[in-house]
Protein backbone atom coordinates (compact mmCIF):
# COMPACT_ATOMS: atom_id res chain seq x y z
CA MET A 1 132.85 -90.07 -151.60
CA SER A 2 131.42 -90.00 -148.08
CA PRO A 3 128.95 -87.27 -147.01
CA LEU A 4 131.58 -85.93 -144.63
CA SER A 5 134.14 -85.44 -147.40
CA VAL A 6 131.50 -83.79 -149.59
CA VAL A 7 130.78 -81.20 -146.91
CA ALA A 8 134.46 -80.79 -146.05
CA SER A 9 135.47 -80.20 -149.66
CA ASP A 10 132.82 -77.50 -150.07
CA ARG A 11 133.19 -75.95 -146.63
CA ALA A 12 134.53 -72.61 -147.89
CA ALA A 13 131.64 -72.29 -150.33
CA LEU A 14 129.11 -73.19 -147.64
CA TYR A 15 130.68 -70.69 -145.26
CA ALA A 16 130.53 -67.94 -147.89
CA ARG A 17 126.89 -68.76 -148.63
CA LEU A 18 126.04 -68.63 -144.94
CA ARG A 19 127.88 -65.34 -144.41
CA ALA A 20 126.15 -63.71 -147.36
CA GLY A 21 122.76 -64.97 -146.24
CA THR A 22 123.07 -63.84 -142.63
CA ALA A 23 124.24 -60.42 -143.80
CA GLU A 24 121.14 -60.19 -146.03
CA LEU A 25 119.04 -61.02 -142.95
CA GLY A 26 120.74 -58.22 -141.02
CA LEU A 27 122.51 -60.64 -138.70
CA ALA A 28 126.19 -60.65 -137.76
CA PRO A 29 127.07 -64.04 -136.21
CA SER A 30 130.62 -64.48 -135.00
CA VAL A 31 133.14 -66.51 -136.96
CA ALA A 32 132.89 -69.21 -134.29
CA ALA A 33 129.10 -69.30 -134.63
CA CYS A 34 129.32 -69.61 -138.41
CA GLU A 35 131.83 -72.44 -138.10
CA ARG A 36 129.56 -74.23 -135.66
CA LEU A 37 126.57 -73.79 -137.99
CA ILE A 38 128.57 -75.41 -140.79
CA ASP A 39 129.56 -78.21 -138.40
CA TYR A 40 125.86 -78.73 -137.75
CA VAL A 41 125.19 -79.05 -141.50
CA ASP A 42 128.10 -81.50 -141.72
CA LEU A 43 126.68 -83.64 -138.90
CA LEU A 44 123.14 -83.48 -140.28
CA THR A 45 124.38 -84.53 -143.73
CA ARG A 46 126.17 -87.58 -142.32
CA TRP A 47 123.27 -88.71 -140.13
CA ASN A 48 120.76 -88.00 -142.88
CA ALA A 49 122.45 -90.55 -145.14
CA VAL A 50 121.44 -93.28 -142.69
CA TYR A 51 118.49 -92.00 -140.67
CA ASN A 52 116.60 -89.86 -143.21
CA LEU A 53 116.10 -86.91 -140.87
CA THR A 54 115.28 -84.40 -143.61
CA ALA A 55 114.26 -84.50 -147.26
CA VAL A 56 116.94 -81.90 -148.02
CA ARG A 57 120.05 -83.75 -149.17
CA ASP A 58 122.33 -81.09 -150.62
CA PRO A 59 124.42 -79.27 -147.96
CA ALA A 60 124.19 -76.04 -149.98
CA ASP A 61 120.39 -76.29 -149.90
CA MET A 62 120.55 -76.90 -146.15
CA ILE A 63 122.16 -73.47 -145.75
CA SER A 64 119.09 -71.75 -147.20
CA ARG A 65 116.29 -74.15 -146.34
CA HIS A 66 117.42 -74.98 -142.82
CA LEU A 67 119.94 -72.48 -141.43
CA LEU A 68 118.79 -69.22 -143.00
CA ASP A 69 115.13 -70.16 -142.75
CA SER A 70 115.63 -70.74 -139.01
CA LEU A 71 117.73 -67.63 -138.44
CA ALA A 72 115.21 -65.43 -140.27
CA ILE A 73 113.07 -65.40 -137.12
CA ALA A 74 115.98 -64.47 -134.80
CA PRO A 75 115.00 -60.76 -134.60
CA HIS A 76 111.63 -61.80 -133.18
CA VAL A 77 112.94 -64.11 -130.44
CA ARG A 78 112.56 -62.70 -126.93
CA GLY A 79 113.61 -63.76 -123.44
CA ASP A 80 116.14 -66.02 -121.77
CA SER A 81 114.51 -69.40 -122.45
CA LEU A 82 113.17 -71.04 -125.60
CA ALA A 83 111.30 -74.26 -126.34
CA ASP A 84 111.37 -75.60 -129.89
CA LEU A 85 108.30 -77.81 -130.42
CA GLY A 86 108.45 -80.71 -132.83
CA SER A 87 112.11 -79.88 -133.24
CA GLY A 88 112.86 -82.79 -135.60
CA ALA A 89 116.46 -82.35 -136.70
CA GLY A 90 116.80 -79.30 -134.44
CA LEU A 91 115.13 -76.63 -136.54
CA PRO A 92 114.91 -73.79 -135.76
CA GLY A 93 116.16 -74.50 -132.24
CA ILE A 94 119.80 -75.42 -132.89
CA PRO A 95 120.64 -72.54 -135.28
CA LEU A 96 118.98 -70.08 -132.87
CA ALA A 97 120.89 -71.57 -129.91
CA ILE A 98 124.20 -71.28 -131.78
CA LEU A 99 123.43 -67.66 -132.63
CA GLU A 100 122.58 -66.81 -129.00
CA PRO A 101 124.43 -69.14 -126.61
CA SER A 102 123.29 -67.26 -123.49
CA ARG A 103 119.68 -68.37 -124.05
CA GLN A 104 118.62 -71.72 -122.57
CA THR A 105 116.97 -73.85 -125.25
CA VAL A 106 114.92 -77.05 -124.97
CA LEU A 107 114.31 -79.16 -128.07
CA ILE A 108 111.08 -81.15 -127.77
CA ASP A 109 110.30 -84.11 -130.02
CA SER A 110 108.68 -87.50 -129.49
CA ASN A 111 110.66 -89.36 -132.17
CA GLY A 112 113.48 -91.45 -130.69
CA LYS A 113 115.57 -91.44 -133.86
CA LYS A 114 115.45 -87.66 -134.03
CA THR A 115 116.13 -87.10 -130.35
CA ARG A 116 119.19 -89.38 -130.61
CA PHE A 117 120.49 -87.12 -133.36
CA LEU A 118 119.70 -84.02 -131.30
CA ARG A 119 121.68 -85.34 -128.32
CA GLU A 120 124.60 -86.20 -130.58
CA ALA A 121 124.47 -82.71 -132.12
CA ILE A 122 124.52 -81.12 -128.66
CA ARG A 123 127.50 -83.25 -127.66
CA THR A 124 129.46 -82.82 -130.90
CA LEU A 125 128.84 -79.08 -131.19
CA GLY A 126 129.38 -78.41 -127.48
CA LEU A 127 126.01 -76.72 -127.00
CA SER A 128 125.89 -76.42 -123.22
CA ASN A 129 122.83 -74.16 -123.45
CA VAL A 130 120.68 -76.79 -125.21
CA HIS A 131 118.76 -79.75 -123.79
CA VAL A 132 116.49 -82.38 -125.33
CA GLU A 133 113.14 -83.59 -124.04
CA GLN A 134 111.73 -86.67 -125.72
CA ALA A 135 108.01 -86.21 -125.27
CA ARG A 136 104.81 -85.44 -127.07
CA VAL A 137 104.20 -81.71 -127.09
CA GLU A 138 101.10 -81.99 -124.89
CA ASN A 139 103.12 -83.89 -122.26
CA ALA A 140 106.13 -81.56 -122.17
CA ARG A 141 106.74 -79.61 -118.97
CA GLY A 142 107.89 -76.13 -118.02
CA GLN A 143 107.21 -72.60 -119.19
CA PHE A 144 109.37 -70.61 -121.58
CA ASP A 145 109.81 -66.99 -122.59
CA CYS A 146 109.69 -67.99 -126.25
CA VAL A 147 108.20 -70.98 -128.05
CA THR A 148 109.02 -71.80 -131.66
CA ALA A 149 107.24 -74.23 -133.92
CA ARG A 150 107.94 -74.95 -137.57
CA ALA A 151 104.31 -75.47 -138.64
CA PHE A 152 103.74 -79.06 -137.55
CA ALA A 153 99.99 -78.36 -137.28
CA SER A 154 97.47 -75.53 -137.60
CA LEU A 155 97.89 -72.56 -135.26
CA ALA A 156 94.93 -73.66 -133.15
CA GLN A 157 96.20 -77.24 -132.90
CA MET A 158 99.72 -76.11 -131.94
CA LEU A 159 98.38 -73.85 -129.20
CA GLU A 160 95.95 -76.46 -127.89
CA LEU A 161 98.80 -78.98 -127.63
CA GLY A 162 101.61 -76.73 -126.43
CA GLY A 163 100.10 -73.48 -125.22
CA HIS A 164 100.78 -74.44 -121.59
CA LEU A 165 104.52 -74.10 -122.32
CA LEU A 166 104.31 -70.36 -123.01
CA ALA A 167 105.12 -68.23 -119.96
CA PRO A 168 103.02 -65.17 -119.06
CA GLY A 169 104.12 -62.36 -121.35
CA GLY A 170 105.96 -64.84 -123.56
CA THR A 171 106.18 -64.92 -127.35
CA TRP A 172 105.07 -67.78 -129.59
CA LEU A 173 106.67 -67.81 -133.04
CA ALA A 174 104.88 -70.03 -135.55
CA MET A 175 106.77 -70.48 -138.81
CA LYS A 176 104.44 -70.88 -141.77
CA GLY A 177 104.63 -70.96 -145.55
CA GLN A 178 101.40 -69.89 -147.17
CA LEU A 179 99.23 -68.47 -144.43
CA ASN A 180 95.58 -69.45 -144.19
CA LYS A 181 93.72 -66.47 -142.74
CA ASP A 182 91.09 -68.81 -141.31
CA GLU A 183 93.76 -70.10 -138.91
CA ILE A 184 94.05 -66.67 -137.32
CA LEU A 185 90.27 -66.45 -136.93
CA ALA A 186 90.27 -69.87 -135.25
CA MET A 187 92.68 -68.96 -132.44
CA PRO A 188 91.76 -70.65 -129.15
CA PRO A 189 90.60 -68.44 -126.25
CA GLY A 190 93.33 -66.68 -124.31
CA PHE A 191 95.71 -66.25 -127.26
CA HIS A 192 95.95 -63.45 -129.78
CA VAL A 193 97.99 -62.81 -132.91
CA SER A 194 100.14 -59.75 -132.42
CA ALA A 195 101.64 -59.67 -135.92
CA VAL A 196 102.16 -61.64 -139.09
CA CYS A 197 105.58 -60.86 -140.54
CA PRO A 198 106.69 -61.95 -144.02
CA LEU A 199 110.16 -63.48 -144.11
CA ALA A 200 112.54 -62.97 -147.01
CA VAL A 201 114.85 -65.98 -146.70
CA PRO A 202 117.94 -65.70 -148.92
CA GLY A 203 118.00 -68.46 -151.52
CA LEU A 204 114.38 -69.48 -150.97
CA GLY A 205 111.46 -68.75 -153.21
CA GLY A 206 107.87 -68.91 -152.09
CA ALA A 207 106.02 -67.31 -149.22
CA ARG A 208 107.38 -67.54 -145.69
CA HIS A 209 105.83 -65.96 -142.61
CA VAL A 210 106.25 -65.89 -138.86
CA VAL A 211 103.06 -65.54 -136.88
CA ILE A 212 103.73 -63.80 -133.55
CA ILE A 213 101.33 -64.88 -130.83
CA HIS A 214 100.96 -63.82 -127.21
CA ARG A 215 99.06 -65.41 -124.38
CA ALA A 216 96.69 -63.67 -121.99
CA GLN A 217 98.45 -63.42 -118.64
CA MET A 218 95.37 -64.45 -116.64
CA LEU A 219 95.02 -67.72 -118.56
CA ALA A 220 98.72 -68.47 -118.12
CA GLN A 221 98.43 -67.95 -114.35
CA GLU A 222 95.45 -70.31 -114.14
CA HIS A 223 97.45 -73.09 -115.85
CA ALA A 224 100.43 -72.52 -113.56
CA ALA A 225 98.29 -72.70 -110.40
C-alpha cells in the first residue's frame, strides 16, 4: 500500500486526533485549516518515503510530534511577519502559516532537498503567504516581527547566527526539550530572555519549552544602519 493510500484511509482518524489536540491547546482552527494540515501530513509522508525528511514515519505520530508540537507555540507568536530558521520539513513554520494565513512567513534552510520539499508544499497547499529562502541562517536577509527556531543549536549559537533577522521589538521563540539553564546565562549581549514557558503537547511525553527572547532596540538599530 502506498504512503498516500495509508494516509487517505486513516484521514478521518487523523482529523479527529488533530481536532482533539488543537482543542486541548486552546486553539480553534477552521475546518479548512485542519484539512490543509492533514494534506501537509499526507505530502510529508509521501516525500519522506523517498527523501527521508523526518525520522517520524507514522502519520498519527506526525500529528502530535510535528503539527501539535508546532502549534503549541501559536499563542506566543506576535506580529505580521515570521522567519522560521532551519525550517527543515517546514516545522513549525508551515503549521503556523496555515493557522494564520494573514501572516507573511519565510522558511529558511540551506538544504536543497528540504527546500525542494518546502516549495512543493507551498505549491500543493496553496500557501500564498509562505516563501522559501535557501540559505545558511547567518546569510539570510531581512528583519521579522517573529523568529522561530526548533532548537538546531544552543540559544547563544542561534542568536549569534540569526539574531540580525529579529526586528526591533520582535519576538524570538526558541523551541527546546530539556532546558539547560546555563544557556540562558550565556545569552549574547543585546538579547534577554523574557520568559520560559512549559508546553503541554497533546500526545507527547517529556519536557517541552518555548524560550521567549527579545532584542534590545538599540542593538537592532545598529545592525540595520
